[in-house]
Protein backbone atom coordinates (compact mmCIF):
# COMPACT_ATOMS: atom_id res chain seq x y z
CA MET A 1 16.76 6.63 -19.93
CA ALA A 2 17.08 9.85 -17.95
CA LYS A 3 16.05 9.61 -14.31
CA LEU A 4 13.27 11.79 -12.99
CA ASN A 5 14.50 13.96 -10.14
CA ALA A 6 12.76 15.99 -7.44
CA GLU A 7 13.33 19.30 -9.20
CA THR A 8 11.62 18.02 -12.35
CA VAL A 9 8.68 16.66 -10.35
CA LYS A 10 8.26 20.02 -8.64
CA ALA A 11 8.43 21.90 -11.95
CA LEU A 12 5.91 19.58 -13.64
CA ALA A 13 3.49 19.71 -10.71
CA LEU A 14 3.62 23.48 -10.66
CA GLU A 15 3.32 23.88 -14.43
CA LEU A 16 0.64 21.26 -15.07
CA PHE A 17 -1.42 21.32 -11.88
CA ASP A 18 -0.47 24.58 -10.15
CA TYR A 19 0.59 22.43 -7.18
CA GLU A 20 3.68 22.88 -5.03
CA PHE A 21 5.45 19.81 -3.64
CA THR A 22 7.80 19.90 -0.69
CA ASP A 23 11.35 18.76 -1.43
CA GLU A 24 10.74 15.52 0.48
CA ALA A 25 7.44 14.75 -1.30
CA ALA A 26 8.92 15.53 -4.72
CA GLY A 27 11.82 13.19 -3.98
CA SER A 28 9.40 10.43 -3.01
CA VAL A 29 7.33 10.93 -6.16
CA ALA A 30 10.47 10.83 -8.32
CA HIS A 31 11.57 7.61 -6.64
CA ILE A 32 8.15 5.96 -7.07
CA VAL A 33 7.87 6.98 -10.72
CA GLY A 34 11.37 5.66 -11.36
CA ALA A 35 10.52 2.32 -9.74
CA VAL A 36 7.30 1.97 -11.75
CA ALA A 37 9.07 2.86 -14.99
CA ASN A 38 11.78 0.31 -14.25
CA ARG A 39 9.22 -2.43 -13.54
CA SER A 40 7.14 -1.57 -16.58
CA ARG A 41 10.11 -2.31 -18.84
CA ARG A 42 10.19 -5.84 -17.41
CA LEU A 43 6.52 -6.69 -17.94
CA HIS A 44 7.24 -8.61 -21.12
CA ASP A 45 9.34 -11.06 -19.04
CA ILE A 46 6.36 -11.99 -16.87
CA GLY A 47 4.36 -13.48 -19.71
CA PRO A 48 0.86 -12.31 -18.77
CA THR A 49 -0.78 -14.67 -21.30
CA GLY A 50 -3.90 -16.18 -19.77
CA THR A 51 -4.04 -13.91 -16.74
CA GLN A 52 -7.41 -12.57 -15.70
CA PRO A 53 -8.22 -8.93 -14.99
CA PRO A 54 -8.66 -8.29 -11.26
CA PHE A 55 -12.46 -8.32 -11.54
CA GLY A 56 -12.80 -10.80 -14.39
CA PHE A 57 -15.50 -13.46 -14.17
CA ALA A 58 -13.10 -16.33 -13.43
CA THR A 59 -11.39 -14.34 -10.69
CA LEU A 60 -14.71 -13.42 -9.07
CA CYS A 61 -15.86 -17.06 -9.19
CA ALA A 62 -12.62 -18.25 -7.58
CA GLU A 63 -12.91 -15.63 -4.85
CA ALA A 64 -16.55 -16.57 -4.19
CA GLU A 65 -15.53 -20.23 -3.90
CA ARG A 66 -12.71 -19.34 -1.51
CA LEU A 67 -15.08 -17.31 0.66
CA ARG A 68 -17.64 -20.14 0.65
CA ARG A 69 -15.02 -22.68 1.80
CA ASN A 70 -13.71 -20.41 4.55
CA SER A 71 -17.04 -19.37 6.05
């Protein structure tokens, strides 16, 4: 997989959003996107079977119970 670099980020931002990044900001964006892409390839290893969405009913109930115990 080709790595996203700062020059590509700057070109995409300018072409798609008419936005100009500084060299430093474009480098940061490229690094973040690369890290996210790398992690996303490993999601199948986590085995998310049975996990709840962040605001699912079970998660909200567990958080409410935690808050009740700690107040």
